[in-house]
């Protein structure tokens, strides 16, 4: 399924691109790190590529061109995802490249982009943790669909948990939903019984909960 959707999506992005430089980049294919991110992180977490654009072209402060690994633009939002390889971005980073990287990040910030750097090593070694990161990132711009069979409070609790990188407590859920902690605890346990949540830590009264990524 991923392979077919990936190739269809990349074909559509390439065909719809009026700019010669970006079109040439897309025609040459994405990097290994970008493909791994899409295959092991983005697609398992999100299930589609809507509003995600690879090799997004930007003009920089010097009038040249730069390319984001991915732009996420629901409703005109400006989300930027960069897959950071260990070599050029860390181990082999000299003073010139370091300054250029800082200028790049500064430009993105001033232009209103929310930047999410993701280490390729994390994509390779911690895909589920990266999936949770992506859900939280998307939650800054839009809400992902939830099971229509859930009640309003259950659905909102799922959305809340998706936006959090850390496990949630019933107390935090209660504050968010404006309900009693006892009721929030029942909701968390109910979602755990449905395999939407899983217990992250603790027993009984002192449990914390997180999304069960394998249930999607």
N, C-alpha and C. Protein backbone atom coordinates (compact mmCIF):
# COMPACT_ATOMS: atom_id res chain seq x y z
N UNK A 1 0.82 -1.20 0.00
CA UNK A 1 0.00 0.00 0.00
C UNK A 1 0.87 1.26 0.00
N UNK A 2 1.89 1.28 0.88
CA UNK A 2 2.75 2.47 0.94
C UNK A 2 3.39 2.75 -0.40
N UNK A 3 3.94 1.72 -1.02
CA UNK A 3 4.68 1.92 -2.27
C UNK A 3 3.80 2.55 -3.35
N UNK A 4 2.58 2.05 -3.48
CA UNK A 4 1.67 2.59 -4.50
C UNK A 4 1.29 4.04 -4.21
N UNK A 5 0.93 4.31 -2.95
CA UNK A 5 0.52 5.67 -2.58
C UNK A 5 1.70 6.64 -2.70
N UNK A 6 2.89 6.18 -2.33
CA UNK A 6 4.08 7.02 -2.42
C UNK A 6 4.37 7.41 -3.86
N UNK A 7 4.35 6.44 -4.76
CA UNK A 7 4.66 6.73 -6.16
C UNK A 7 3.58 7.60 -6.80
N UNK A 8 2.32 7.36 -6.48
CA UNK A 8 1.24 8.21 -7.01
C UNK A 8 1.38 9.64 -6.52
N UNK A 9 1.68 9.79 -5.24
CA UNK A 9 1.84 11.12 -4.63
C UNK A 9 3.02 11.86 -5.24
N UNK A 10 4.16 11.20 -5.39
CA UNK A 10 5.33 11.84 -5.95
C UNK A 10 5.11 12.21 -7.41
N UNK A 11 4.40 11.36 -8.13
CA UNK A 11 4.07 11.65 -9.53
C UNK A 11 3.18 12.89 -9.63
N UNK A 12 2.20 13.00 -8.74
CA UNK A 12 1.31 14.16 -8.74
C UNK A 12 2.07 15.43 -8.39
N UNK A 13 2.96 15.35 -7.39
CA UNK A 13 3.74 16.52 -6.99
C UNK A 13 4.63 16.99 -8.14
N UNK A 14 5.21 16.05 -8.85
CA UNK A 14 6.10 16.39 -9.96
C UNK A 14 5.33 17.01 -11.12
N UNK A 15 4.19 16.40 -11.47
CA UNK A 15 3.40 16.88 -12.60
C UNK A 15 2.82 18.26 -12.34
N UNK A 16 2.51 18.57 -11.07
CA UNK A 16 1.87 19.84 -10.75
C UNK A 16 2.87 20.97 -10.51
N UNK A 17 4.17 20.67 -10.55
CA UNK A 17 5.19 21.66 -10.23
C UNK A 17 5.56 22.51 -11.46
N UNK A 18 5.31 23.83 -11.41
CA UNK A 18 5.66 24.67 -12.56
C UNK A 18 7.13 25.08 -12.57
N UNK A 19 7.78 25.03 -11.41
CA UNK A 19 9.17 25.47 -11.33
C UNK A 19 10.14 24.41 -11.83
N UNK A 20 11.06 24.80 -12.70
CA UNK A 20 11.98 23.83 -13.32
C UNK A 20 12.90 23.19 -12.30
N UNK A 21 13.45 23.98 -11.37
CA UNK A 21 14.44 23.43 -10.44
C UNK A 21 13.84 22.38 -9.51
N UNK A 22 12.70 22.70 -8.92
CA UNK A 22 12.08 21.73 -8.02
C UNK A 22 11.63 20.50 -8.79
N UNK A 23 11.11 20.68 -9.99
CA UNK A 23 10.64 19.54 -10.79
C UNK A 23 11.81 18.61 -11.10
N UNK A 24 12.97 19.16 -11.39
CA UNK A 24 14.13 18.32 -11.68
C UNK A 24 14.55 17.52 -10.45
N UNK A 25 14.48 18.16 -9.28
CA UNK A 25 14.82 17.45 -8.05
C UNK A 25 13.87 16.29 -7.81
N UNK A 26 12.57 16.54 -7.99
CA UNK A 26 11.58 15.49 -7.79
C UNK A 26 11.76 14.35 -8.79
N UNK A 27 12.09 14.70 -10.01
CA UNK A 27 12.29 13.67 -11.04
C UNK A 27 13.49 12.79 -10.73
N UNK A 28 14.48 13.35 -10.05
CA UNK A 28 15.67 12.58 -9.69
C UNK A 28 15.42 11.65 -8.50
N UNK A 29 14.31 11.86 -7.80
CA UNK A 29 13.97 10.99 -6.67
C UNK A 29 14.40 11.57 -5.33
N UNK A 30 13.70 11.16 -4.28
CA UNK A 30 13.99 11.65 -2.94
C UNK A 30 15.19 10.90 -2.35
N UNK A 31 15.76 11.50 -1.33
CA UNK A 31 16.91 10.89 -0.66
C UNK A 31 16.48 9.65 0.12
N UNK A 32 17.45 8.82 0.46
CA UNK A 32 17.17 7.62 1.25
C UNK A 32 16.54 7.98 2.59
N UNK A 33 17.04 9.04 3.22
CA UNK A 33 16.51 9.46 4.51
C UNK A 33 15.07 9.92 4.41
N UNK A 34 14.74 10.65 3.35
CA UNK A 34 13.37 11.12 3.16
C UNK A 34 12.42 9.96 2.92
N UNK A 35 12.83 9.00 2.11
CA UNK A 35 11.98 7.84 1.83
C UNK A 35 11.77 7.01 3.10
N UNK A 36 12.83 6.84 3.88
CA UNK A 36 12.70 6.09 5.14
C UNK A 36 11.75 6.80 6.09
N UNK A 37 11.82 8.12 6.14
CA UNK A 37 10.92 8.89 6.99
C UNK A 37 9.48 8.70 6.56
N UNK A 38 9.21 8.76 5.27
CA UNK A 38 7.85 8.58 4.78
C UNK A 38 7.35 7.17 5.04
N UNK A 39 8.20 6.18 4.79
CA UNK A 39 7.79 4.78 4.90
C UNK A 39 7.61 4.34 6.35
N UNK A 40 8.51 4.74 7.24
CA UNK A 40 8.53 4.21 8.60
C UNK A 40 7.92 5.13 9.64
N UNK A 41 7.75 6.40 9.29
CA UNK A 41 7.24 7.36 10.27
C UNK A 41 5.94 8.01 9.81
N UNK A 42 6.02 8.78 8.74
CA UNK A 42 4.85 9.57 8.34
C UNK A 42 3.65 8.69 7.97
N UNK A 43 3.85 7.75 7.05
CA UNK A 43 2.71 6.95 6.57
C UNK A 43 2.09 6.09 7.67
N UNK A 44 2.88 5.40 8.50
CA UNK A 44 2.25 4.63 9.58
C UNK A 44 1.47 5.51 10.56
N UNK A 45 1.93 6.74 10.78
CA UNK A 45 1.28 7.63 11.74
C UNK A 45 0.06 8.32 11.15
N UNK A 46 0.15 8.73 9.88
CA UNK A 46 -0.88 9.59 9.28
C UNK A 46 -1.77 8.84 8.30
N UNK A 47 -1.19 7.95 7.51
CA UNK A 47 -1.98 7.14 6.59
C UNK A 47 -2.21 7.75 5.22
N UNK A 48 -1.72 8.95 4.98
CA UNK A 48 -1.85 9.60 3.67
C UNK A 48 -0.80 10.70 3.57
N UNK A 49 -0.72 11.34 2.39
CA UNK A 49 0.27 12.39 2.16
C UNK A 49 -0.38 13.74 1.85
N UNK A 50 -1.63 13.89 2.20
CA UNK A 50 -2.34 15.14 1.94
C UNK A 50 -1.65 16.31 2.62
N UNK A 51 -1.45 17.39 1.86
CA UNK A 51 -0.83 18.64 2.36
C UNK A 51 0.66 18.51 2.67
N UNK A 52 1.27 17.38 2.31
CA UNK A 52 2.70 17.21 2.50
C UNK A 52 3.39 17.35 1.15
N UNK A 53 4.44 18.17 1.10
CA UNK A 53 5.11 18.46 -0.17
C UNK A 53 6.61 18.27 -0.02
N UNK A 54 7.21 17.39 -0.82
CA UNK A 54 8.65 17.15 -0.72
C UNK A 54 9.45 18.20 -1.48
N UNK A 55 10.67 18.45 -1.00
CA UNK A 55 11.61 19.36 -1.67
C UNK A 55 10.95 20.71 -1.99
N UNK A 56 10.35 21.30 -0.99
CA UNK A 56 9.63 22.57 -1.15
C UNK A 56 10.62 23.71 -1.40
N UNK A 57 10.37 24.47 -2.44
CA UNK A 57 11.32 25.51 -2.85
C UNK A 57 11.03 26.84 -2.16
N UNK A 58 12.09 27.47 -1.63
CA UNK A 58 12.00 28.77 -0.98
C UNK A 58 13.12 29.67 -1.50
N UNK A 59 12.84 30.97 -1.55
CA UNK A 59 13.89 31.94 -1.81
C UNK A 59 14.53 32.30 -0.48
N UNK A 60 15.86 32.37 -0.43
CA UNK A 60 16.52 32.69 0.83
C UNK A 60 16.84 34.18 0.89
N UNK A 61 17.49 34.59 1.98
CA UNK A 61 17.77 36.00 2.20
C UNK A 61 18.70 36.59 1.15
N UNK A 62 19.50 35.76 0.52
CA UNK A 62 20.43 36.23 -0.50
C UNK A 62 19.85 36.19 -1.90
N UNK A 63 18.58 35.82 -2.04
CA UNK A 63 17.95 35.77 -3.34
C UNK A 63 18.11 34.45 -4.06
N UNK A 64 18.79 33.49 -3.42
CA UNK A 64 18.95 32.18 -4.03
C UNK A 64 17.80 31.25 -3.65
N UNK A 65 18.00 29.98 -3.94
CA UNK A 65 16.96 28.99 -3.66
C UNK A 65 17.43 28.00 -2.60
N UNK A 66 16.50 27.64 -1.74
CA UNK A 66 16.72 26.58 -0.78
C UNK A 66 15.55 25.62 -0.86
N UNK A 67 15.76 24.40 -0.35
CA UNK A 67 14.71 23.39 -0.45
C UNK A 67 14.52 22.72 0.91
N UNK A 68 13.29 22.74 1.38
CA UNK A 68 12.92 22.00 2.58
C UNK A 68 12.74 20.53 2.20
N UNK A 69 13.13 19.64 3.09
CA UNK A 69 12.86 18.23 2.82
C UNK A 69 11.37 18.01 2.64
N UNK A 70 10.57 18.60 3.55
CA UNK A 70 9.12 18.51 3.43
C UNK A 70 8.48 19.78 3.96
N UNK A 71 7.45 20.24 3.28
CA UNK A 71 6.59 21.31 3.77
C UNK A 71 5.22 20.71 4.06
N UNK A 72 4.65 21.07 5.19
CA UNK A 72 3.31 20.62 5.55
C UNK A 72 2.42 21.86 5.62
N UNK A 73 1.40 21.95 4.73
CA UNK A 73 0.71 23.22 4.52
C UNK A 73 -0.82 23.13 4.57
N UNK A 74 -1.40 22.50 5.58
CA UNK A 74 -2.87 22.46 5.63
C UNK A 74 -3.45 23.85 5.86
N UNK A 75 -4.38 24.26 5.01
CA UNK A 75 -5.01 25.56 5.18
C UNK A 75 -4.05 26.73 5.10
N UNK A 76 -2.94 26.56 4.37
CA UNK A 76 -1.97 27.64 4.25
C UNK A 76 -0.97 27.70 5.39
N UNK A 77 -0.99 26.73 6.31
CA UNK A 77 -0.03 26.69 7.41
C UNK A 77 1.39 26.49 6.87
N UNK A 78 2.38 26.78 7.69
CA UNK A 78 3.77 26.64 7.28
C UNK A 78 4.52 25.73 8.26
N UNK A 79 4.50 24.46 7.97
CA UNK A 79 5.24 23.50 8.76
C UNK A 79 6.40 22.95 7.93
N UNK A 80 7.59 22.92 8.49
CA UNK A 80 8.78 22.45 7.77
C UNK A 80 9.39 21.27 8.51
N UNK A 81 9.67 20.20 7.77
CA UNK A 81 10.31 19.02 8.35
C UNK A 81 11.64 18.79 7.64
N UNK A 82 12.69 18.71 8.41
CA UNK A 82 14.02 18.47 7.87
C UNK A 82 14.57 17.17 8.44
N UNK A 83 15.00 16.26 7.57
CA UNK A 83 15.60 15.00 7.99
C UNK A 83 17.11 15.22 8.09
N UNK A 84 17.62 15.17 9.32
CA UNK A 84 19.01 15.52 9.57
C UNK A 84 19.89 14.28 9.55
N UNK A 85 20.74 14.19 8.55
CA UNK A 85 21.71 13.11 8.50
C UNK A 85 22.85 13.38 9.47
N UNK A 86 23.43 12.35 10.04
CA UNK A 86 24.45 12.54 11.07
C UNK A 86 25.71 13.18 10.49
N UNK A 87 26.12 12.77 9.27
CA UNK A 87 27.37 13.30 8.71
C UNK A 87 27.36 14.80 8.50
N UNK A 88 26.59 15.31 7.52
CA UNK A 88 26.66 16.73 7.20
C UNK A 88 26.11 17.63 8.28
N UNK A 89 25.23 17.13 9.14
CA UNK A 89 24.59 18.01 10.11
C UNK A 89 25.22 17.95 11.49
N UNK A 90 26.09 17.04 11.74
CA UNK A 90 26.67 16.93 13.08
C UNK A 90 28.16 16.64 13.03
N UNK A 91 28.53 15.44 12.64
CA UNK A 91 29.92 15.01 12.73
C UNK A 91 30.84 15.86 11.86
N UNK A 92 30.38 16.21 10.65
CA UNK A 92 31.24 16.93 9.71
C UNK A 92 30.89 18.42 9.59
N UNK A 93 30.19 18.96 10.58
CA UNK A 93 29.71 20.34 10.49
C UNK A 93 30.85 21.30 10.81
N UNK A 94 31.34 22.02 9.79
CA UNK A 94 32.39 23.01 10.04
C UNK A 94 31.74 24.36 10.31
N UNK A 95 32.59 25.39 10.55
CA UNK A 95 32.08 26.70 10.95
C UNK A 95 31.19 27.31 9.88
N UNK A 96 31.59 27.19 8.61
CA UNK A 96 30.81 27.78 7.53
C UNK A 96 29.43 27.13 7.42
N UNK A 97 29.40 25.82 7.48
CA UNK A 97 28.13 25.12 7.38
C UNK A 97 27.25 25.39 8.60
N UNK A 98 27.90 25.51 9.76
CA UNK A 98 27.15 25.79 10.97
C UNK A 98 26.47 27.16 10.87
N UNK A 99 27.20 28.17 10.40
CA UNK A 99 26.62 29.50 10.24
C UNK A 99 25.49 29.47 9.22
N UNK A 100 25.68 28.74 8.14
CA UNK A 100 24.65 28.65 7.11
C UNK A 100 23.38 27.99 7.65
N UNK A 101 23.57 26.96 8.49
CA UNK A 101 22.43 26.28 9.08
C UNK A 101 21.65 27.22 9.99
N UNK A 102 22.38 28.04 10.76
CA UNK A 102 21.72 29.01 11.65
C UNK A 102 20.96 30.06 10.84
N UNK A 103 21.57 30.54 9.73
CA UNK A 103 20.87 31.49 8.86
C UNK A 103 19.60 30.87 8.29
N UNK A 104 19.70 29.62 7.91
CA UNK A 104 18.55 28.91 7.33
C UNK A 104 17.40 28.84 8.35
N UNK A 105 17.73 28.46 9.57
CA UNK A 105 16.71 28.35 10.61
C UNK A 105 16.13 29.73 10.96
N UNK A 106 16.99 30.74 10.96
CA UNK A 106 16.53 32.11 11.25
C UNK A 106 15.55 32.57 10.18
N UNK A 107 15.88 32.30 8.93
CA UNK A 107 15.01 32.71 7.82
C UNK A 107 13.66 32.04 7.93
N UNK A 108 13.66 30.75 8.22
CA UNK A 108 12.40 30.02 8.34
C UNK A 108 11.55 30.59 9.48
N UNK A 109 12.19 30.91 10.60
CA UNK A 109 11.46 31.46 11.73
C UNK A 109 10.85 32.81 11.39
N UNK A 110 11.61 33.67 10.72
CA UNK A 110 11.13 35.00 10.38
C UNK A 110 10.01 34.95 9.34
N UNK A 111 10.03 33.92 8.51
CA UNK A 111 8.98 33.76 7.51
C UNK A 111 7.77 33.00 8.02
N UNK A 112 7.77 32.70 9.32
CA UNK A 112 6.60 32.08 9.94
C UNK A 112 6.52 30.58 9.84
N UNK A 113 7.65 29.91 9.55
CA UNK A 113 7.65 28.45 9.46
C UNK A 113 7.88 27.84 10.84
N UNK A 114 7.16 26.77 11.14
CA UNK A 114 7.43 25.96 12.33
C UNK A 114 8.32 24.81 11.89
N UNK A 115 9.55 24.81 12.37
CA UNK A 115 10.56 23.85 11.91
C UNK A 115 10.62 22.65 12.84
N UNK A 116 10.60 21.46 12.24
CA UNK A 116 10.74 20.22 12.99
C UNK A 116 11.93 19.44 12.42
N UNK A 117 13.10 19.49 13.07
CA UNK A 117 14.22 18.67 12.62
C UNK A 117 14.10 17.26 13.18
N UNK A 118 14.27 16.27 12.31
CA UNK A 118 14.18 14.87 12.71
C UNK A 118 15.47 14.17 12.32
N UNK A 119 16.15 13.58 13.27
CA UNK A 119 17.41 12.88 12.99
C UNK A 119 17.14 11.59 12.23
N UNK A 120 17.92 11.37 11.17
CA UNK A 120 17.77 10.12 10.42
C UNK A 120 18.02 8.91 11.32
N UNK A 121 18.95 9.04 12.27
CA UNK A 121 19.22 7.92 13.18
C UNK A 121 17.99 7.60 14.02
N UNK A 122 17.20 8.61 14.37
CA UNK A 122 15.97 8.36 15.12
C UNK A 122 14.92 7.69 14.24
N UNK A 123 14.84 8.11 12.97
CA UNK A 123 13.94 7.44 12.02
C UNK A 123 14.29 5.97 11.93
N UNK A 124 15.57 5.68 11.88
CA UNK A 124 16.03 4.29 11.74
C UNK A 124 15.84 3.48 13.02
N UNK A 125 16.16 4.10 14.18
CA UNK A 125 16.22 3.34 15.43
C UNK A 125 14.98 3.49 16.30
N UNK A 126 14.23 4.60 16.14
CA UNK A 126 13.09 4.88 17.02
C UNK A 126 11.87 5.33 16.22
N UNK A 127 11.41 4.54 15.26
CA UNK A 127 10.31 4.99 14.39
C UNK A 127 9.02 5.29 15.14
N UNK A 128 8.69 4.50 16.16
CA UNK A 128 7.45 4.75 16.88
C UNK A 128 7.51 6.07 17.65
N UNK A 129 8.65 6.37 18.22
CA UNK A 129 8.80 7.64 18.92
C UNK A 129 8.68 8.81 17.94
N UNK A 130 9.23 8.63 16.74
CA UNK A 130 9.11 9.65 15.70
C UNK A 130 7.67 9.80 15.23
N UNK A 131 6.93 8.70 15.19
CA UNK A 131 5.52 8.77 14.82
C UNK A 131 4.75 9.64 15.80
N UNK A 132 5.03 9.48 17.09
CA UNK A 132 4.38 10.30 18.10
C UNK A 132 4.76 11.77 17.93
N UNK A 133 6.00 12.01 17.55
CA UNK A 133 6.47 13.37 17.30
C UNK A 133 5.69 13.99 16.14
N UNK A 134 5.47 13.22 15.09
CA UNK A 134 4.74 13.73 13.92
C UNK A 134 3.29 14.02 14.26
N UNK A 135 2.66 13.17 15.06
CA UNK A 135 1.29 13.43 15.47
C UNK A 135 1.19 14.72 16.26
N UNK A 136 2.16 14.96 17.14
CA UNK A 136 2.17 16.20 17.91
C UNK A 136 2.40 17.40 17.00
N UNK A 137 3.26 17.25 16.02
CA UNK A 137 3.54 18.32 15.05
C UNK A 137 2.29 18.66 14.25
N UNK A 138 1.62 17.65 13.73
CA UNK A 138 0.40 17.88 12.96
C UNK A 138 -0.67 18.53 13.83
N UNK A 139 -0.68 18.15 15.12
CA UNK A 139 -1.67 18.71 16.04
C UNK A 139 -1.55 20.20 16.23
N UNK A 140 -0.41 20.79 15.87
CA UNK A 140 -0.26 22.24 15.94
C UNK A 140 -1.06 22.95 14.86
N UNK A 141 -1.38 22.22 13.79
CA UNK A 141 -2.04 22.84 12.64
C UNK A 141 -3.46 22.34 12.41
N UNK A 142 -3.71 21.07 12.73
CA UNK A 142 -5.01 20.49 12.42
C UNK A 142 -5.23 19.27 13.29
N UNK A 143 -6.43 18.78 13.31
CA UNK A 143 -6.77 17.58 14.08
C UNK A 143 -6.98 16.41 13.13
N UNK A 144 -6.33 15.30 13.43
CA UNK A 144 -6.53 14.10 12.64
C UNK A 144 -7.89 13.49 12.97
N UNK A 145 -8.43 12.77 12.02
CA UNK A 145 -9.71 12.11 12.24
C UNK A 145 -9.59 11.07 13.35
N UNK A 146 -10.69 10.90 14.07
CA UNK A 146 -10.75 9.86 15.10
C UNK A 146 -11.93 8.96 14.80
N UNK A 147 -11.98 7.82 15.48
CA UNK A 147 -13.05 6.85 15.28
C UNK A 147 -14.40 7.50 15.56
N UNK A 148 -15.31 7.44 14.60
CA UNK A 148 -16.63 8.06 14.74
C UNK A 148 -17.45 7.42 15.84
N UNK A 149 -17.08 6.22 16.26
CA UNK A 149 -17.83 5.54 17.31
C UNK A 149 -17.51 6.07 18.70
N UNK A 150 -16.45 6.87 18.83
CA UNK A 150 -16.08 7.42 20.13
C UNK A 150 -17.04 8.54 20.53
N UNK A 151 -17.23 8.69 21.83
CA UNK A 151 -18.00 9.82 22.33
C UNK A 151 -17.21 11.10 22.13
N UNK A 152 -17.88 12.26 22.32
CA UNK A 152 -17.19 13.54 22.13
C UNK A 152 -16.01 13.66 23.07
N UNK A 153 -16.19 13.29 24.33
CA UNK A 153 -15.10 13.43 25.30
C UNK A 153 -13.97 12.45 25.00
N UNK A 154 -14.30 11.24 24.57
CA UNK A 154 -13.25 10.28 24.19
C UNK A 154 -12.47 10.79 23.00
N UNK A 155 -13.18 11.31 21.99
CA UNK A 155 -12.51 11.82 20.79
C UNK A 155 -11.59 12.99 21.12
N UNK A 156 -12.05 13.90 21.96
CA UNK A 156 -11.22 15.05 22.33
C UNK A 156 -10.01 14.61 23.15
N UNK A 157 -10.18 13.60 23.97
CA UNK A 157 -9.07 13.08 24.76
C UNK A 157 -8.02 12.44 23.85
N UNK A 158 -8.46 11.75 22.80
CA UNK A 158 -7.53 11.17 21.83
C UNK A 158 -6.75 12.28 21.12
N UNK A 159 -7.43 13.33 20.71
CA UNK A 159 -6.75 14.46 20.05
C UNK A 159 -5.74 15.10 20.99
N UNK A 160 -6.11 15.24 22.24
CA UNK A 160 -5.22 15.82 23.25
C UNK A 160 -3.97 14.96 23.41
N UNK A 161 -4.15 13.65 23.50
CA UNK A 161 -3.01 12.76 23.68
C UNK A 161 -2.09 12.77 22.46
N UNK A 162 -2.66 12.92 21.27
CA UNK A 162 -1.85 12.95 20.06
C UNK A 162 -0.94 14.17 20.02
N UNK A 163 -1.38 15.26 20.63
CA UNK A 163 -0.58 16.48 20.60
C UNK A 163 0.52 16.49 21.65
N UNK A 164 0.52 15.50 22.51
CA UNK A 164 1.48 15.45 23.61
C UNK A 164 2.59 14.46 23.30
N UNK A 165 3.82 14.87 23.60
CA UNK A 165 4.94 13.95 23.44
C UNK A 165 5.12 13.07 24.67
N UNK A 166 4.69 13.57 25.83
CA UNK A 166 4.80 12.82 27.07
C UNK A 166 3.47 12.14 27.37
N UNK A 167 3.49 11.02 28.09
CA UNK A 167 2.24 10.39 28.52
C UNK A 167 1.41 11.36 29.35
N UNK A 168 0.10 11.18 29.33
CA UNK A 168 -0.78 12.07 30.06
C UNK A 168 -1.26 11.40 31.34
N UNK A 169 -1.59 12.22 32.32
CA UNK A 169 -2.17 11.72 33.55
C UNK A 169 -3.68 11.99 33.53
N UNK A 170 -4.46 11.26 34.33
CA UNK A 170 -5.88 11.58 34.43
C UNK A 170 -6.13 13.01 34.89
N UNK A 171 -5.23 13.55 35.73
CA UNK A 171 -5.37 14.92 36.17
C UNK A 171 -5.24 15.91 35.02
N UNK A 172 -4.28 15.68 34.14
CA UNK A 172 -4.12 16.55 32.97
C UNK A 172 -5.32 16.42 32.03
N UNK A 173 -5.80 15.19 31.88
CA UNK A 173 -6.98 14.97 31.04
C UNK A 173 -8.20 15.69 31.61
N UNK A 174 -8.32 15.66 32.94
CA UNK A 174 -9.45 16.32 33.60
C UNK A 174 -9.43 17.82 33.37
N UNK A 175 -8.24 18.43 33.48
CA UNK A 175 -8.12 19.87 33.27
C UNK A 175 -8.47 20.22 31.82
N UNK A 176 -7.98 19.42 30.87
CA UNK A 176 -8.24 19.70 29.46
C UNK A 176 -9.73 19.56 29.13
N UNK A 177 -10.37 18.52 29.66
CA UNK A 177 -11.77 18.25 29.33
C UNK A 177 -12.74 19.01 30.23
N UNK A 178 -12.20 19.58 31.32
CA UNK A 178 -13.03 20.27 32.32
C UNK A 178 -14.05 19.32 32.94
N UNK A 179 -13.53 18.17 33.34
CA UNK A 179 -14.35 17.18 34.04
C UNK A 179 -13.60 16.78 35.30
N UNK A 180 -14.23 15.97 36.12
CA UNK A 180 -13.56 15.52 37.34
C UNK A 180 -12.43 14.55 37.00
N UNK A 181 -11.46 14.45 37.90
CA UNK A 181 -10.35 13.52 37.66
C UNK A 181 -10.86 12.08 37.66
N UNK A 182 -11.86 11.79 38.47
CA UNK A 182 -12.42 10.44 38.49
C UNK A 182 -13.02 10.09 37.14
N UNK A 183 -13.75 11.04 36.54
CA UNK A 183 -14.35 10.78 35.23
C UNK A 183 -13.26 10.66 34.16
N UNK A 184 -12.23 11.50 34.24
CA UNK A 184 -11.13 11.44 33.27
C UNK A 184 -10.41 10.10 33.36
N UNK A 185 -10.27 9.57 34.59
CA UNK A 185 -9.62 8.28 34.76
C UNK A 185 -10.44 7.18 34.09
N UNK A 186 -11.75 7.26 34.24
CA UNK A 186 -12.62 6.27 33.59
C UNK A 186 -12.48 6.34 32.07
N UNK A 187 -12.40 7.57 31.53
CA UNK A 187 -12.24 7.72 30.08
C UNK A 187 -10.91 7.12 29.61
N UNK A 188 -9.85 7.38 30.35
CA UNK A 188 -8.53 6.84 29.98
C UNK A 188 -8.56 5.31 30.00
N UNK A 189 -9.17 4.74 31.05
CA UNK A 189 -9.24 3.29 31.14
C UNK A 189 -10.11 2.70 30.02
N UNK A 190 -11.18 3.41 29.66
CA UNK A 190 -12.05 2.94 28.59
C UNK A 190 -11.29 2.93 27.26
N UNK A 191 -10.51 3.97 27.01
CA UNK A 191 -9.72 4.02 25.77
C UNK A 191 -8.62 2.96 25.77
N UNK A 192 -8.10 2.65 26.95
CA UNK A 192 -7.10 1.58 27.05
C UNK A 192 -7.75 0.23 26.75
N UNK A 193 -8.98 0.02 27.22
CA UNK A 193 -9.70 -1.23 26.94
C UNK A 193 -9.97 -1.39 25.45
N UNK A 194 -10.10 -0.24 24.73
CA UNK A 194 -10.34 -0.27 23.29
C UNK A 194 -9.03 -0.32 22.50
N UNK A 195 -7.90 -0.42 23.20
CA UNK A 195 -6.57 -0.48 22.59
C UNK A 195 -6.20 0.81 21.85
N UNK A 196 -6.87 1.91 22.17
CA UNK A 196 -6.49 3.20 21.60
C UNK A 196 -5.41 3.84 22.45
N UNK A 197 -5.54 3.72 23.76
CA UNK A 197 -4.49 4.11 24.71
C UNK A 197 -3.77 2.86 25.19
N UNK A 198 -2.60 3.07 25.74
CA UNK A 198 -1.92 2.01 26.47
C UNK A 198 -1.35 2.62 27.75
N UNK A 199 -1.20 1.81 28.76
CA UNK A 199 -0.64 2.30 30.03
C UNK A 199 0.85 2.49 29.84
N UNK A 200 1.30 3.72 30.09
CA UNK A 200 2.72 4.03 29.90
C UNK A 200 3.52 3.72 31.15
N UNK A 201 2.91 3.94 32.32
CA UNK A 201 3.66 3.75 33.56
C UNK A 201 2.69 3.69 34.73
N UNK A 202 3.11 3.06 35.80
CA UNK A 202 2.33 3.07 37.03
C UNK A 202 1.28 1.98 37.08
N UNK A 203 0.63 1.89 38.22
CA UNK A 203 -0.41 0.89 38.43
C UNK A 203 -1.63 1.56 39.04
N UNK A 204 -2.78 1.15 38.55
CA UNK A 204 -4.06 1.60 39.07
C UNK A 204 -4.14 3.12 39.17
N UNK A 205 -4.15 3.67 40.38
CA UNK A 205 -4.46 5.07 40.60
C UNK A 205 -3.41 6.01 40.01
N UNK A 206 -2.18 5.56 39.89
CA UNK A 206 -1.09 6.45 39.47
C UNK A 206 -0.63 6.18 38.05
N UNK A 207 -1.51 5.67 37.24
CA UNK A 207 -1.15 5.36 35.86
C UNK A 207 -1.01 6.62 35.02
N UNK A 208 -0.15 6.52 34.00
CA UNK A 208 -0.13 7.51 32.93
C UNK A 208 -0.43 6.76 31.64
N UNK A 209 -0.93 7.51 30.63
CA UNK A 209 -1.40 6.88 29.40
C UNK A 209 -0.79 7.57 28.18
N UNK A 210 -0.65 6.79 27.11
CA UNK A 210 -0.17 7.32 25.84
C UNK A 210 -0.90 6.62 24.71
N UNK A 211 -0.76 7.19 23.49
CA UNK A 211 -1.41 6.59 22.34
C UNK A 211 -0.80 5.21 22.05
N UNK A 212 -1.65 4.28 21.72
CA UNK A 212 -1.20 2.96 21.28
C UNK A 212 -1.05 3.02 19.76
N UNK A 213 0.14 3.32 19.27
CA UNK A 213 0.35 3.55 17.84
C UNK A 213 0.04 2.30 17.02
N UNK A 214 0.19 1.13 17.58
CA UNK A 214 -0.03 -0.10 16.83
C UNK A 214 -1.52 -0.35 16.57
N UNK A 215 -2.39 0.43 17.22
CA UNK A 215 -3.82 0.21 17.03
C UNK A 215 -4.34 0.89 15.79
N UNK A 216 -3.56 1.79 15.15
CA UNK A 216 -4.05 2.53 14.01
C UNK A 216 -3.77 1.78 12.72
